[in-house]
Protein backbone atom coordinates (compact mmCIF):
# COMPACT_ATOMS: atom_id res chain seq x y z
CA MET A 1 -0.15 0.08 -0.09
CA PRO A 2 1.42 3.33 -1.09
CA LYS A 3 2.23 5.81 1.71
CA VAL A 4 0.74 9.25 1.54
CA SER A 5 2.76 12.15 2.87
CA ARG A 6 1.15 14.35 5.52
CA ASP A 7 1.30 17.28 3.23
CA ARG A 8 -0.86 15.22 0.55
CA TRP A 9 -3.47 14.79 3.18
CA ILE A 10 -3.51 18.26 4.37
CA ALA A 11 -3.93 19.07 0.61
CA VAL A 12 -6.78 16.64 -0.02
CA PHE A 13 -8.53 17.82 3.01
CA ALA A 14 -8.06 21.56 2.17
CA LEU A 15 -9.61 21.17 -1.33
CA ALA A 16 -12.46 18.96 -0.23
CA SER A 17 -13.14 21.60 2.64
CA LEU A 18 -13.07 24.37 -0.21
CA ALA A 19 -15.32 22.43 -2.48
CA LEU A 20 -18.10 22.12 0.41
CA ALA A 21 -17.50 25.56 1.38
CA ASN A 22 -18.34 26.75 -2.09
CA THR A 23 -21.39 24.57 -2.54
CA GLY A 24 -23.18 26.90 -0.06
CA LEU A 25 -25.29 25.85 2.84
CA ASP A 26 -28.59 25.61 0.96
CA ALA A 27 -27.02 22.87 -1.23
CA MET A 28 -25.60 20.98 1.74
CA ILE A 29 -28.87 21.21 3.59
CA SER A 30 -31.02 20.05 0.37
CA ILE A 31 -28.53 17.03 0.19
CA SER A 32 -28.58 16.01 3.75
CA SER A 33 -32.23 16.60 4.46
CA PRO A 34 -33.67 13.39 2.77
CA VAL A 35 -30.85 11.41 4.44
CA LEU A 36 -31.74 12.96 7.76
CA GLU A 37 -35.74 12.17 7.38
CA ILE A 38 -34.82 8.57 6.82
CA LEU A 39 -32.66 8.23 9.64
CA TYR A 40 -34.71 10.23 12.18
CA PRO A 41 -37.46 7.56 12.59
CA VAL A 42 -34.83 4.70 13.00
CA ALA A 43 -33.05 6.64 15.62
CA MET A 44 -36.18 7.69 17.61
CA THR A 45 -37.18 3.72 17.41
CA LEU A 46 -33.94 2.59 18.77
CA MET A 47 -34.13 5.33 21.48
CA VAL A 48 -37.68 4.42 22.62
CA LEU A 49 -36.92 0.56 22.60
CA ALA A 50 -33.64 1.13 24.74
CA PHE A 51 -36.11 2.47 27.59
CA LEU A 52 -38.37 -0.33 27.40
CA PRO A 53 -38.10 -3.40 29.60
CA ARG A 54 -37.21 -6.70 27.33
CA PRO A 55 -36.51 -10.18 27.80
CA ASP A 56 -33.08 -11.65 27.09
CA GLY A 57 -32.26 -12.17 23.50
CA CYS A 58 -35.29 -9.92 21.93
CA HIS A 59 -33.87 -9.58 18.61
CA HIS A 60 -37.13 -9.97 16.80
CA MET A 61 -38.54 -6.69 18.52
CA TYR A 62 -35.48 -4.68 17.38
CA SER A 63 -35.17 -6.00 13.90
CA PHE A 64 -38.89 -5.77 12.90
CA SER A 65 -39.55 -2.29 14.55
CA VAL A 66 -36.38 -0.92 12.99
CA THR A 67 -37.04 -2.32 9.58
CA ALA A 68 -40.47 -0.88 9.83
CA ALA A 69 -39.15 2.53 10.77
CA PHE A 70 -36.75 2.43 7.90
CA CYS A 71 -39.06 1.32 5.20
CA PHE A 72 -41.86 3.54 6.24
CA SER A 73 -39.70 6.70 6.70
CA ILE A 74 -38.84 6.07 2.73
CA VAL A 75 -42.53 6.00 2.08
CA ALA A 76 -43.16 9.20 4.27
CA LEU A 77 -40.31 10.98 2.33
CA VAL A 78 -41.94 9.86 -1.15
CA THR A 79 -45.42 10.81 0.02
CA ASP A 80 -45.10 13.80 2.25
CA LEU A 81 -46.85 12.01 5.16
CA ASP A 82 -44.84 12.93 8.20
CA PHE A 83 -45.61 10.44 10.99
CA ILE A 84 -46.93 7.40 8.76
CA TRP A 85 -43.96 5.27 10.35
CA ILE A 86 -45.12 5.32 13.87
CA LEU A 87 -48.01 2.59 13.77
CA PRO A 88 -45.99 0.22 11.68
CA VAL A 89 -43.18 0.36 13.96
CA ILE A 90 -45.65 -0.18 17.04
CA ALA A 91 -46.96 -3.19 15.12
CA GLY A 92 -43.38 -4.47 14.45
CA ALA A 93 -42.42 -4.03 18.05
CA VAL A 94 -45.38 -5.87 19.35
CA ALA A 95 -44.90 -8.89 16.69
CA GLY A 96 -41.39 -9.17 17.26
CA TYR A 97 -41.86 -9.19 21.18
CA THR A 98 -44.46 -11.79 20.72
CA MET A 99 -42.06 -13.88 18.69
CA ASP A 100 -39.43 -13.52 21.09
CA ILE A 101 -41.59 -14.63 23.99
CA ARG A 102 -42.73 -17.67 22.16
CA ALA A 103 -39.24 -18.51 21.12
CA LYS A 104 -38.07 -18.26 24.68
CA GLY A 105 -40.92 -20.59 25.82
CA LYS A 106 -39.69 -23.03 23.40
CA GLY A 107 -36.26 -22.54 24.33
CA VAL A 108 -35.13 -21.45 21.01
CA ASP A 109 -33.08 -18.30 20.46
């Protein structure tokens, strides 16, 4: 692997910073806003699930609700429906919790 000198790294980062600074704040916000609108429901779901009591090995509850949050946040972005992701997340959490409880009762992880 070729070794890159410190001066070259400085030049690369300076040029990248210059390019970002010249695009303007409006352009950066217009690029980052859709990404944040997709990540916001996923982050909120994870924060709420972190505060809920859960049984050991409840990976279905997390995976179902986070998947629902991700998929329906994309739908919300396309259709301009802001909080369409909340009910599918709740349904996914309940379904996943039920699967986790049943799997724990059968001794399966």
